[in-house]
PDB file of N, CA and C in Angstrom:
ATOM      1  N   MET A   1     217.435 -23.343 141.242  1.00  0.00           N
ATOM      2  CA  MET A   1     217.907 -23.206 142.611  1.00  0.00           C
ATOM      3  C   MET A   1     219.089 -24.147 142.789  1.00  0.00           C
ATOM      4  N   THR A   2     220.104 -23.640 143.437  1.00  0.00           N
ATOM      5  CA  THR A   2     221.285 -24.470 143.702  1.00  0.00           C
ATOM      6  C   THR A   2     221.124 -25.159 145.041  1.00  0.00           C
ATOM      7  N   LEU A   3     221.973 -26.141 145.301  1.00  0.00           N
ATOM      8  CA  LEU A   3     221.953 -26.837 146.587  1.00  0.00           C
ATOM      9  C   LEU A   3     222.268 -25.868 147.715  1.00  0.00           C
ATOM     10  N   ASP A   4     223.224 -24.948 147.501  1.00  0.00           N
ATOM     11  CA  ASP A   4     223.555 -23.964 148.537  1.00  0.00           C
ATOM     12  C   ASP A   4     222.363 -23.058 148.853  1.00  0.00           C
ATOM     13  N   GLU A   5     221.640 -22.621 147.812  1.00  0.00           N
ATOM     14  CA  GLU A   5     220.464 -21.794 148.033  1.00  0.00           C
ATOM     15  C   GLU A   5     219.383 -22.564 148.777  1.00  0.00           C
ATOM     16  N   PHE A   6     219.216 -23.845 148.435  1.00  0.00           N
ATOM     17  CA  PHE A   6     218.227 -24.668 149.114  1.00  0.00           C
ATOM     18  C   PHE A   6     218.581 -24.847 150.586  1.00  0.00           C
ATOM     19  N   GLU A   7     219.847 -25.105 150.871  1.00  0.00           N
ATOM     20  CA  GLU A   7     220.290 -25.257 152.266  1.00  0.00           C
ATOM     21  C   GLU A   7     220.110 -23.952 153.037  1.00  0.00           C
ATOM     22  N   GLU A   8     220.387 -22.823 152.376  1.00  0.00           N
ATOM     23  CA  GLU A   8     220.177 -21.526 153.017  1.00  0.00           C
ATOM     24  C   GLU A   8     218.691 -21.319 153.303  1.00  0.00           C
ATOM     25  N   TRP A   9     217.824 -21.672 152.347  1.00  0.00           N
ATOM     26  CA  TRP A   9     216.383 -21.543 152.540  1.00  0.00           C
ATOM     27  C   TRP A   9     215.930 -22.363 153.742  1.00  0.00           C
ATOM     28  N   LYS A  10     216.435 -23.601 153.856  1.00  0.00           N
ATOM     29  CA  LYS A  10     216.037 -24.437 154.995  1.00  0.00           C
ATOM     30  C   LYS A  10     216.439 -23.785 156.315  1.00  0.00           C
ATOM     31  N   LYS A  11     217.645 -23.231 156.385  1.00  0.00           N
ATOM     32  CA  LYS A  11     218.109 -22.573 157.615  1.00  0.00           C
ATOM     33  C   LYS A  11     217.235 -21.355 157.953  1.00  0.00           C
ATOM     34  N   VAL A  12     216.939 -20.563 156.918  1.00  0.00           N
ATOM     35  CA  VAL A  12     216.102 -19.382 157.129  1.00  0.00           C
ATOM     36  C   VAL A  12     214.701 -19.802 157.571  1.00  0.00           C
ATOM     37  N   LYS A  13     214.161 -20.838 156.961  1.00  0.00           N
ATOM     38  CA  LYS A  13     212.821 -21.337 157.313  1.00  0.00           C
ATOM     39  C   LYS A  13     212.774 -21.760 158.777  1.00  0.00           C
ATOM     40  N   ILE A  14     213.777 -22.499 159.233  1.00  0.00           N
ATOM     41  CA  ILE A  14     213.846 -22.934 160.637  1.00  0.00           C
ATOM     42  C   ILE A  14     213.981 -21.723 161.559  1.00  0.00           C
ATOM     43  N   PHE A  15     214.861 -20.785 161.180  1.00  0.00           N
ATOM     44  CA  PHE A  15     215.054 -19.583 161.991  1.00  0.00           C
ATOM     45  C   PHE A  15     213.749 -18.799 162.134  1.00  0.00           C
ATOM     46  N   LEU A  16     213.038 -18.604 161.014  1.00  0.00           N
ATOM     47  CA  LEU A  16     211.781 -17.856 161.059  1.00  0.00           C
ATOM     48  C   LEU A  16     210.742 -18.545 161.942  1.00  0.00           C
ATOM     49  N   SER A  17     210.678 -19.854 161.861  1.00  0.00           N
ATOM     50  CA  SER A  17     209.735 -20.603 162.687  1.00  0.00           C
ATOM     51  C   SER A  17     210.047 -20.412 164.173  1.00  0.00           C
ATOM     52  N   GLN A  18     211.322 -20.498 164.518  1.00  0.00           N
ATOM     53  CA  GLN A  18     211.720 -20.317 165.914  1.00  0.00           C
ATOM     54  C   GLN A  18     211.495 -18.880 166.360  1.00  0.00           C
ATOM     55  N   ALA A  19     211.798 -17.924 165.484  1.00  0.00           N
ATOM     56  CA  ALA A  19     211.599 -16.513 165.824  1.00  0.00           C
ATOM     57  C   ALA A  19     210.117 -16.208 166.026  1.00  0.00           C
ATOM     58  N   LYS A  20     209.270 -16.797 165.189  1.00  0.00           N
ATOM     59  CA  LYS A  20     207.829 -16.568 165.314  1.00  0.00           C
ATOM     60  C   LYS A  20     207.308 -17.115 166.641  1.00  0.00           C
ATOM     61  N   SER A  21     207.763 -18.289 167.019  1.00  0.00           N
ATOM     62  CA  SER A  21     207.346 -18.874 168.306  1.00  0.00           C
ATOM     63  C   SER A  21     207.794 -18.003 169.469  1.00  0.00           C
ATOM     64  N   ARG A  22     209.022 -17.526 169.411  1.00  0.00           N
ATOM     65  CA  ARG A  22     209.550 -16.698 170.491  1.00  0.00           C
ATOM     66  C   ARG A  22     208.825 -15.356 170.538  1.00  0.00           C
ATOM     67  N   GLU A  23     208.531 -14.778 169.364  1.00  0.00           N
ATOM     68  CA  GLU A  23     207.804 -13.516 169.329  1.00  0.00           C
ATOM     69  C   GLU A  23     206.442 -13.674 169.983  1.00  0.00           C
ATOM     70  N   MET A  24     205.770 -14.792 169.744  1.00  0.00           N
ATOM     71  CA  MET A  24     204.454 -15.033 170.346  1.00  0.00           C
ATOM     72  C   MET A  24     204.576 -15.134 171.866  1.00  0.00           C
ATOM     73  N   GLU A  25     205.579 -15.842 172.354  1.00  0.00           N
ATOM     74  CA  GLU A  25     205.790 -15.947 173.808  1.00  0.00           C
ATOM     75  C   GLU A  25     205.999 -14.566 174.423  1.00  0.00           C
ATOM     76  N   LEU A  26     206.855 -13.767 173.791  1.00  0.00           N
ATOM     77  CA  LEU A  26     207.151 -12.441 174.322  1.00  0.00           C
ATOM     78  C   LEU A  26     205.958 -11.497 174.178  1.00  0.00           C
ATOM     79  N   ARG A  27     205.207 -11.623 173.099  1.00  0.00           N
ATOM     80  CA  ARG A  27     204.013 -10.797 172.920  1.00  0.00           C
ATOM     81  C   ARG A  27     203.015 -11.074 174.029  1.00  0.00           C
ATOM     82  N   LEU A  28     202.813 -12.356 174.374  1.00  0.00           N
ATOM     83  CA  LEU A  28     201.878 -12.692 175.448  1.00  0.00           C
ATOM     84  C   LEU A  28     202.340 -12.097 176.772  1.00  0.00           C
ATOM     85  N   LYS A  29     203.654 -12.105 177.041  1.00  0.00           N
ATOM     86  CA  LYS A  29     204.174 -11.465 178.263  1.00  0.00           C
ATOM     87  C   LYS A  29     203.925  -9.958 178.231  1.00  0.00           C
ATOM     88  N   LEU A  30     204.143  -9.347 177.064  1.00  0.00           N
ATOM     89  CA  LEU A  30     203.900  -7.917 176.908  1.00  0.00           C
ATOM     90  C   LEU A  30     202.433  -7.602 177.178  1.00  0.00           C
ATOM     91  N   LEU A  31     201.547  -8.427 176.645  1.00  0.00           N
ATOM     92  CA  LEU A  31     200.116  -8.181 176.819  1.00  0.00           C
ATOM     93  C   LEU A  31     199.675  -8.368 178.264  1.00  0.00           C
ATOM     94  N   GLU A  32     200.388  -9.205 179.029  1.00  0.00           N
ATOM     95  CA  GLU A  32     200.066  -9.361 180.455  1.00  0.00           C
ATOM     96  C   GLU A  32     200.276  -8.057 181.207  1.00  0.00           C
ATOM     97  N   SER A  33     201.176  -7.208 180.718  1.00  0.00           N
ATOM     98  CA  SER A  33     201.467  -5.952 181.412  1.00  0.00           C
ATOM     99  C   SER A  33     200.630  -4.788 180.902  1.00  0.00           C
ATOM    100  N   THR A  34     199.656  -5.063 180.033  1.00  0.00           N
ATOM    101  CA  THR A  34     198.762  -4.015 179.548  1.00  0.00           C
ATOM    102  C   THR A  34     197.320  -4.440 179.802  1.00  0.00           C
ATOM    103  N   THR A  35     196.422  -3.491 179.682  1.00  0.00           N
ATOM    104  CA  THR A  35     195.006  -3.798 179.790  1.00  0.00           C
ATOM    105  C   THR A  35     194.528  -4.224 178.415  1.00  0.00           C
ATOM    106  N   ILE A  36     194.088  -5.460 178.305  1.00  0.00           N
ATOM    107  CA  ILE A  36     193.656  -5.961 177.009  1.00  0.00           C
ATOM    108  C   ILE A  36     192.168  -5.679 176.844  1.00  0.00           C
ATOM    109  N   GLN A  37     191.853  -4.967 175.773  1.00  0.00           N
ATOM    110  CA  GLN A  37     190.473  -4.642 175.436  1.00  0.00           C
ATOM    111  C   GLN A  37     190.252  -5.014 173.985  1.00  0.00           C
ATOM    112  N   VAL A  38     189.028  -5.301 173.640  1.00  0.00           N
ATOM    113  CA  VAL A  38     188.708  -5.535 172.238  1.00  0.00           C
ATOM    114  C   VAL A  38     188.716  -4.183 171.553  1.00  0.00           C
ATOM    115  N   GLY A  39     189.428  -4.079 170.461  1.00  0.00           N
ATOM    116  CA  GLY A  39     189.559  -2.830 169.726  1.00  0.00           C
ATOM    117  C   GLY A  39     191.024  -2.511 169.501  1.00  0.00           C
ATOM    118  N   THR A  40     191.281  -1.316 169.024  1.00  0.00           N
ATOM    119  CA  THR A  40     192.647  -0.865 168.756  1.00  0.00           C
ATOM    120  C   THR A  40     192.944   0.323 169.652  1.00  0.00           C
ATOM    121  N   PHE A  41     194.088   0.283 170.324  1.00  0.00           N
ATOM    122  CA  PHE A  41     194.462   1.391 171.184  1.00  0.00           C
ATOM    123  C   PHE A  41     195.977   1.479 171.264  1.00  0.00           C
ATOM    124  N   LYS A  42     196.455   2.638 171.717  1.00  0.00           N
ATOM    125  CA  LYS A  42     197.894   2.879 171.812  1.00  0.00           C
ATOM    126  C   LYS A  42     198.311   2.860 173.267  1.00  0.00           C
ATOM    127  N   VAL A  43     199.499   2.312 173.517  1.00  0.00           N
ATOM    128  CA  VAL A  43     200.085   2.313 174.848  1.00  0.00           C
ATOM    129  C   VAL A  43     201.562   2.683 174.715  1.00  0.00           C
ATOM    130  N   LYS A  44     202.123   3.103 175.822  1.00  0.00           N
ATOM    131  CA  LYS A  44     203.558   3.396 175.858  1.00  0.00           C
ATOM    132  C   LYS A  44     204.177   2.420 176.843  1.00  0.00           C
ATOM    133  N   LEU A  45     205.230   1.741 176.410  1.00  0.00           N
ATOM    134  CA  LEU A  45     205.922   0.777 177.250  1.00  0.00           C
ATOM    135  C   LEU A  45     207.418   0.988 177.082  1.00  0.00           C
ATOM    136  N   PHE A  46     208.101   1.310 178.177  1.00  0.00           N
ATOM    137  CA  PHE A  46     209.543   1.554 178.134  1.00  0.00           C
ATOM    138  C   PHE A  46     209.908   2.582 177.059  1.00  0.00           C
ATOM    139  N   ASP A  47     209.225   3.702 177.054  1.00  0.00           N
ATOM    140  CA  ASP A  47     209.454   4.794 176.103  1.00  0.00           C
ATOM    141  C   ASP A  47     209.222   4.411 174.647  1.00  0.00           C
ATOM    142  N   THR A  48     208.456   3.362 174.412  1.00  0.00           N
ATOM    143  CA  THR A  48     208.128   2.951 173.049  1.00  0.00           C
ATOM    144  C   THR A  48     206.616   2.973 172.882  1.00  0.00           C
ATOM    145  N   ASP A  49     206.156   3.647 171.837  1.00  0.00           N
ATOM    146  CA  ASP A  49     204.725   3.682 171.544  1.00  0.00           C
ATOM    147  C   ASP A  49     204.342   2.409 170.799  1.00  0.00           C
ATOM    148  N   LEU A  50     203.291   1.776 171.276  1.00  0.00           N
ATOM    149  CA  LEU A  50     202.794   0.543 170.678  1.00  0.00           C
ATOM    150  C   LEU A  50     201.333   0.708 170.284  1.00  0.00           C
ATOM    151  N   LYS A  51     200.939   0.034 169.240  1.00  0.00           N
ATOM    152  CA  LYS A  51     199.527  -0.034 168.864  1.00  0.00           C
ATOM    153  C   LYS A  51     199.099  -1.485 169.055  1.00  0.00           C
ATOM    154  N   ILE A  52     198.092  -1.694 169.902  1.00  0.00           N
ATOM    155  CA  ILE A  52     197.604  -3.040 170.192  1.00  0.00           C
ATOM    156  C   ILE A  52     196.201  -3.178 169.612  1.00  0.00           C
ATOM    157  N   ALA A  53     196.021  -4.204 168.803  1.00  0.00           N
ATOM    158  CA  ALA A  53     194.716  -4.466 168.192  1.00  0.00           C
ATOM    159  C   ALA A  53     194.243  -5.836 168.649  1.00  0.00           C
ATOM    160  N   THR A  54     193.046  -5.888 169.211  1.00  0.00           N
ATOM    161  CA  THR A  54     192.489  -7.134 169.706  1.00  0.00           C
ATOM    162  C   THR A  54     191.105  -7.348 169.099  1.00  0.00           C
ATOM    163  N   THR A  55     190.892  -8.524 168.582  1.00  0.00           N
ATOM    164  CA  THR A  55     189.590  -8.889 168.043  1.00  0.00           C
ATOM    165  C   THR A  55     189.058 -10.064 168.846  1.00  0.00           C
ATOM    166  N   GLU A  56     187.820 -10.405 168.596  1.00  0.00           N
ATOM    167  CA  GLU A  56     187.259 -11.585 169.248  1.00  0.00           C
ATOM    168  C   GLU A  56     186.494 -12.402 168.222  1.00  0.00           C
ATOM    169  N   LYS A  57     186.429 -13.677 168.483  1.00  0.00           N
ATOM    170  CA  LYS A  57     185.696 -14.579 167.603  1.00  0.00           C
ATOM    171  C   LYS A  57     184.382 -14.933 168.280  1.00  0.00           C
ATOM    172  N   LEU A  58     183.296 -14.767 167.552  1.00  0.00           N
ATOM    173  CA  LEU A  58     181.973 -15.129 168.051  1.00  0.00           C
ATOM    174  C   LEU A  58     181.552 -16.419 167.364  1.00  0.00           C
ATOM    175  N   THR A  59     181.115 -17.386 168.146  1.00  0.00           N
ATOM    176  CA  THR A  59     180.690 -18.663 167.597  1.00  0.00           C
ATOM    177  C   THR A  59     179.233 -18.901 167.961  1.00  0.00           C
ATOM    178  N   LEU A  60     178.442 -19.143 166.952  1.00  0.00           N
ATOM    179  CA  LEU A  60     177.017 -19.403 167.153  1.00  0.00           C
ATOM    180  C   LEU A  60     176.801 -20.913 167.183  1.00  0.00           C
ATOM    181  N   ASP A  61     176.217 -21.404 168.255  1.00  0.00           N
ATOM    182  CA  ASP A  61     175.897 -22.819 168.365  1.00  0.00           C
ATOM    183  C   ASP A  61     174.545 -23.055 167.687  1.00  0.00           C
ATOM    184  N   GLU A  62     174.557 -23.773 166.594  1.00  0.00           N
ATOM    185  CA  GLU A  62     173.348 -23.957 165.793  1.00  0.00           C
ATOM    186  C   GLU A  62     172.249 -24.684 166.562  1.00  0.00           C
ATOM    187  N   LYS A  63     172.593 -25.718 167.297  1.00  0.00           N
ATOM    188  CA  LYS A  63     171.576 -26.467 168.053  1.00  0.00           C
ATOM    189  C   LYS A  63     170.950 -25.592 169.129  1.00  0.00           C
ATOM    190  N   LEU A  64     171.790 -24.861 169.860  1.00  0.00           N
ATOM    191  CA  LEU A  64     171.254 -23.974 170.891  1.00  0.00           C
ATOM    192  C   LEU A  64     170.421 -22.854 170.278  1.00  0.00           C
ATOM    193  N   PHE A  65     170.861 -22.355 169.139  1.00  0.00           N
ATOM    194  CA  PHE A  65     170.080 -21.316 168.458  1.00  0.00           C
ATOM    195  C   PHE A  65     168.699 -21.851 168.092  1.00  0.00           C
ATOM    196  N   ASN A  66     168.669 -23.014 167.462  1.00  0.00           N
ATOM    197  CA  ASN A  66     167.387 -23.578 167.032  1.00  0.00           C
ATOM    198  C   ASN A  66     166.468 -23.873 168.214  1.00  0.00           C
ATOM    199  N   SER A  67     167.028 -24.343 169.319  1.00  0.00           N
ATOM    200  CA  SER A  67     166.180 -24.673 170.468  1.00  0.00           C
ATOM    201  C   SER A  67     165.723 -23.428 171.236  1.00  0.00           C
ATOM    202  N   ASN A  68     166.385 -22.295 171.049  1.00  0.00           N
ATOM    203  CA  ASN A  68     166.013 -21.071 171.763  1.00  0.00           C
ATOM    204  C   ASN A  68     165.387 -20.013 170.866  1.00  0.00           C
ATOM    205  N   ALA A  69     165.262 -20.284 169.584  1.00  0.00           N
ATOM    206  CA  ALA A  69     164.774 -19.273 168.633  1.00  0.00           C
ATOM    207  C   ALA A  69     163.393 -18.740 168.996  1.00  0.00           C
ATOM    208  N   ASP A  70     162.526 -19.584 169.544  1.00  0.00           N
ATOM    209  CA  ASP A  70     161.176 -19.132 169.894  1.00  0.00           C
ATOM    210  C   ASP A  70     161.174 -18.089 171.010  1.00  0.00           C
ATOM    211  N   ASP A  71     162.229 -18.073 171.838  1.00  0.00           N
ATOM    212  CA  ASP A  71     162.311 -17.127 172.950  1.00  0.00           C
ATOM    213  C   ASP A  71     163.020 -15.822 172.571  1.00  0.00           C
ATOM    214  N   MET A  72     163.460 -15.707 171.325  1.00  0.00           N
ATOM    215  CA  MET A  72     164.239 -14.535 170.905  1.00  0.00           C
ATOM    216  C   MET A  72     163.351 -13.468 170.295  1.00  0.00           C
ATOM    217  N   SER A  73     163.832 -12.240 170.458  1.00  0.00           N
ATOM    218  CA  SER A  73     163.127 -11.108 169.849  1.00  0.00           C
ATOM    219  C   SER A  73     163.421 -11.081 168.348  1.00  0.00           C
ATOM    220  N   GLU A  74     162.634 -10.299 167.644  1.00  0.00           N
ATOM    221  CA  GLU A  74     162.847 -10.131 166.199  1.00  0.00           C
ATOM    222  C   GLU A  74     164.231  -9.547 165.933  1.00  0.00           C
ATOM    223  N   GLU A  75     164.648  -8.639 166.808  1.00  0.00           N
ATOM    224  CA  GLU A  75     165.960  -8.008 166.670  1.00  0.00           C
ATOM    225  C   GLU A  75     167.083  -9.050 166.783  1.00  0.00           C
ATOM    226  N   GLU A  76     166.938  -9.993 167.728  1.00  0.00           N
ATOM    227  CA  GLU A  76     167.926 -11.065 167.874  1.00  0.00           C
ATOM    228  C   GLU A  76     167.931 -11.970 166.648  1.00  0.00           C
ATOM    229  N   LEU A  77     166.742 -12.361 166.208  1.00  0.00           N
ATOM    230  CA  LEU A  77     166.638 -13.254 165.045  1.00  0.00           C
ATOM    231  C   LEU A  77     167.227 -12.620 163.794  1.00  0.00           C
ATOM    232  N   ASN A  78     167.133 -11.297 163.678  1.00  0.00           N
ATOM    233  CA  ASN A  78     167.702 -10.600 162.527  1.00  0.00           C
ATOM    234  C   ASN A  78     169.226 -10.607 162.529  1.00  0.00           C
ATOM    235  N   CYS A  79     169.834 -10.972 163.653  1.00  0.00           N
ATOM    236  CA  CYS A  79     171.292 -11.048 163.726  1.00  0.00           C
ATOM    237  C   CYS A  79     171.827 -12.341 163.126  1.00  0.00           C
ATOM    238  N   VAL A  80     170.947 -13.239 162.772  1.00  0.00           N
ATOM    239  CA  VAL A  80     171.373 -14.549 162.299  1.00  0.00           C
ATOM    240  C   VAL A  80     170.857 -14.763 160.883  1.00  0.00           C
ATOM    241  N   ASN A  81     171.796 -15.011 159.975  1.00  0.00           N
ATOM    242  CA  ASN A  81     171.426 -15.378 158.609  1.00  0.00           C
ATOM    243  C   ASN A  81     171.120 -16.871 158.605  1.00  0.00           C
ATOM    244  N   HIS A  82     170.380 -17.319 157.657  1.00  0.00           N
ATOM    245  CA  HIS A  82     169.874 -18.685 157.713  1.00  0.00           C
ATOM    246  C   HIS A  82     170.841 -19.725 157.158  1.00  0.00           C
ATOM    247  N   LYS A  83     171.883 -20.019 157.930  1.00  0.00           N
ATOM    248  CA  LYS A  83     172.720 -21.202 157.716  1.00  0.00           C
ATOM    249  C   LYS A  83     172.846 -21.978 159.015  1.00  0.00           C
ATOM    250  N   PRO A  84     172.812 -21.469 160.179  1.00  0.00           N
ATOM    251  CA  PRO A  84     172.781 -20.062 160.600  1.00  0.00           C
ATOM    252  C   PRO A  84     174.199 -19.472 160.699  1.00  0.00           C
ATOM    253  N   VAL A  85     174.302 -18.212 160.335  1.00  0.00           N
ATOM    254  CA  VAL A  85     175.547 -17.465 160.434  1.00  0.00           C
ATOM    255  C   VAL A  85     175.242 -16.161 161.160  1.00  0.00           C
ATOM    256  N   LEU A  86     176.066 -15.843 162.114  1.00  0.00           N
ATOM    257  CA  LEU A  86     175.850 -14.635 162.910  1.00  0.00           C
ATOM    258  C   LEU A  86     176.260 -13.394 162.126  1.00  0.00           C
ATOM    259  N   ASP A  87     175.400 -12.388 162.120  1.00  0.00           N
ATOM    260  CA  ASP A  87     175.712 -11.091 161.519  1.00  0.00           C
ATOM    261  C   ASP A  87     176.291 -10.236 162.648  1.00  0.00           C
ATOM    262  N   LYS A  88     177.613 -10.127 162.677  1.00  0.00           N
ATOM    263  CA  LYS A  88     178.302  -9.480 163.795  1.00  0.00           C
ATOM    264  C   LYS A  88     177.899  -8.022 163.972  1.00  0.00           C
ATOM    265  N   LYS A  89     177.703  -7.282 162.894  1.00  0.00           N
ATOM    266  CA  LYS A  89     177.330  -5.866 163.013  1.00  0.00           C
ATOM    267  C   LYS A  89     175.998  -5.712 163.739  1.00  0.00           C
ATOM    268  N   ARG A  90     175.031  -6.522 163.380  1.00  0.00           N
ATOM    269  CA  ARG A  90     173.724  -6.454 164.058  1.00  0.00           C
ATOM    270  C   ARG A  90     173.830  -6.978 165.486  1.00  0.00           C
ATOM    271  N   TYR A  91     174.586  -8.059 165.651  1.00  0.00           N
ATOM    272  CA  TYR A  91     174.730  -8.665 166.969  1.00  0.00           C
ATOM    273  C   TYR A  91     175.363  -7.684 167.957  1.00  0.00           C
ATOM    274  N   ASP A  92     176.376  -6.954 167.512  1.00  0.00           N
ATOM    275  CA  ASP A  92     177.068  -6.011 168.400  1.00  0.00           C
ATOM    276  C   ASP A  92     176.155  -4.891 168.888  1.00  0.00           C
ATOM    277  N   LYS A  93     175.046  -4.646 168.198  1.00  0.00           N
ATOM    278  CA  LYS A  93     174.115  -3.590 168.612  1.00  0.00           C
ATOM    279  C   LYS A  93     173.117  -4.073 169.666  1.00  0.00           C
ATOM    280  N   LEU A  94     173.057  -5.383 169.881  1.00  0.00           N
ATOM    281  CA  LEU A  94     172.111  -5.926 170.864  1.00  0.00           C
ATOM    282  C   LEU A  94     172.603  -5.692 172.293  1.00  0.00           C
ATOM    283  N   PRO A  95     171.690  -5.639 173.250  1.00  0.00           N
ATOM    284  CA  PRO A  95     172.106  -5.621 174.656  1.00  0.00           C
ATOM    285  C   PRO A  95     172.762  -6.961 175.015  1.00  0.00           C
ATOM    286  N   ASP A  96     173.558  -6.959 176.069  1.00  0.00           N
ATOM    287  CA  ASP A  96     174.291  -8.175 176.471  1.00  0.00           C
ATOM    288  C   ASP A  96     173.401  -9.262 177.061  1.00  0.00           C
ATOM    289  N   ASN A  97     172.215  -8.933 177.500  1.00  0.00           N
ATOM    290  CA  ASN A  97     171.383  -9.892 178.235  1.00  0.00           C
ATOM    291  C   ASN A  97     170.324 -10.564 177.370  1.00  0.00           C
ATOM    292  N   THR A  98     170.561 -10.697 176.081  1.00  0.00           N
ATOM    293  CA  THR A  98     169.581 -11.345 175.212  1.00  0.00           C
ATOM    294  C   THR A  98     169.736 -12.865 175.261  1.00  0.00           C
ATOM    295  N   VAL A  99     168.703 -13.576 174.869  1.00  0.00           N
ATOM    296  CA  VAL A  99     168.754 -15.041 174.804  1.00  0.00           C
ATOM    297  C   VAL A  99     169.878 -15.469 173.869  1.00  0.00           C
ATOM    298  N   LEU A 100     169.988 -14.800 172.742  1.00  0.00           N
ATOM    299  CA  LEU A 100     171.033 -15.124 171.776  1.00  0.00           C
ATOM    300  C   LEU A 100     172.416 -14.996 172.408  1.00  0.00           C
ATOM    301  N   ALA A 101     172.659 -13.887 173.091  1.00  0.00           N
ATOM    302  CA  ALA A 101     173.962 -13.652 173.710  1.00  0.00           C
ATOM    303  C   ALA A 101     174.232 -14.596 174.877  1.00  0.00           C
ATOM    304  N   LEU A 102     173.220 -14.833 175.694  1.00  0.00           N
ATOM    305  CA  LEU A 102     173.415 -15.623 176.903  1.00  0.00           C
ATOM    306  C   LEU A 102     173.459 -17.130 176.656  1.00  0.00           C
ATOM    307  N   LYS A 103     172.743 -17.607 175.652  1.00  0.00           N
ATOM    308  CA  LYS A 103     172.625 -19.051 175.473  1.00  0.00           C
ATOM    309  C   LYS A 103     173.253 -19.612 174.201  1.00  0.00           C
ATOM    310  N   CYS A 104     173.426 -18.793 173.168  1.00  0.00           N
ATOM    311  CA  CYS A 104     173.781 -19.355 171.861  1.00  0.00           C
ATOM    312  C   CYS A 104     175.136 -18.932 171.312  1.00  0.00           C
ATOM    313  N   VAL A 105     175.705 -17.868 171.826  1.00  0.00           N
ATOM    314  CA  VAL A 105     176.948 -17.347 171.259  1.00  0.00           C
ATOM    315  C   VAL A 105     178.048 -17.389 172.310  1.00  0.00           C
ATOM    316  N   THR A 106     179.190 -17.904 171.908  1.00  0.00           N
ATOM    317  CA  THR A 106     180.364 -17.863 172.786  1.00  0.00           C
ATOM    318  C   THR A 106     181.353 -16.873 172.208  1.00  0.00           C
ATOM    319  N   ARG A 107     182.027 -16.172 173.107  1.00  0.00           N
ATOM    320  CA  ARG A 107     183.034 -15.185 172.703  1.00  0.00           C
ATOM    321  C   ARG A 107     184.407 -15.722 173.076  1.00  0.00           C
ATOM    322  N   LYS A 108     185.331 -15.598 172.158  1.00  0.00           N
ATOM    323  CA  LYS A 108     186.707 -15.992 172.434  1.00  0.00           C
ATOM    324  C   LYS A 108     187.599 -14.873 171.929  1.00  0.00           C
ATOM    325  N   GLN A 109     188.353 -14.289 172.838  1.00  0.00           N
ATOM    326  CA  GLN A 109     189.232 -13.195 172.450  1.00  0.00           C
ATOM    327  C   GLN A 109     190.445 -13.761 171.720  1.00  0.00           C
ATOM    328  N   ASN A 110     190.762 -13.200 170.567  1.00  0.00           N
ATOM    329  CA  ASN A 110     191.930 -13.610 169.809  1.00  0.00           C
ATOM    330  C   ASN A 110     193.182 -12.984 170.410  1.00  0.00           C
ATOM    331  N   VAL A 111     194.335 -13.531 170.092  1.00  0.00           N
ATOM    332  CA  VAL A 111     195.591 -12.953 170.562  1.00  0.00           C
ATOM    333  C   VAL A 111     195.781 -11.613 169.879  1.00  0.00           C
ATOM    334  N   SER A 112     196.134 -10.620 170.655  1.00  0.00           N
ATOM    335  CA  SER A 112     196.297  -9.260 170.144  1.00  0.00           C
ATOM    336  C   SER A 112     197.508  -9.159 169.233  1.00  0.00           C
ATOM    337  N   SER A 113     197.406  -8.303 168.241  1.00  0.00           N
ATOM    338  CA  SER A 113     198.586  -7.962 167.454  1.00  0.00           C
ATOM    339  C   SER A 113     199.212  -6.727 168.079  1.00  0.00           C
ATOM    340  N   VAL A 114     200.526  -6.608 167.985  1.00  0.00           N
ATOM    341  CA  VAL A 114     201.237  -5.484 168.567  1.00  0.00           C
ATOM    342  C   VAL A 114     202.180  -4.918 167.508  1.00  0.00           C
ATOM    343  N   ALA A 115     202.118  -3.615 167.284  1.00  0.00           N
ATOM    344  CA  ALA A 115     203.000  -2.969 166.328  1.00  0.00           C
ATOM    345  C   ALA A 115     203.728  -1.830 167.009  1.00  0.00           C
ATOM    346  N   ILE A 116     204.969  -1.634 166.671  1.00  0.00           N
ATOM    347  CA  ILE A 116     205.739  -0.488 167.173  1.00  0.00           C
ATOM    348  C   ILE A 116     205.413   0.691 166.283  1.00  0.00           C
ATOM    349  N   ILE A 117     205.057   1.804 166.910  1.00  0.00           N
ATOM    350  CA  ILE A 117     204.666   2.995 166.151  1.00  0.00           C
ATOM    351  C   ILE A 117     205.890   3.868 165.919  1.00  0.00           C
TER     352      ILE A 117
END
């Protein structure tokens, strides 16, 4: 690598970092003007088709799980592997009003990805 190539790399690296930050700011503004749902769906904005994908992070509180395990159904207990680690596929099939859902798991929606179709 030459010094000129290295200097060019540094400029590109800085530019990409700034562009990524700005893209995130603008993406959040774009998402404010749409209905954000967990899942993947298509929207049209200013004659442009977009695909928006939103996921969520589920966090199992181990202490709360252990202190509430006696009040949980077998179906709820089967959603947790013994570390404890939440089995999302099983958990998603449970009703929303379970002890596990109400007391032990927190949901945090991740920032949506947006792609131009």
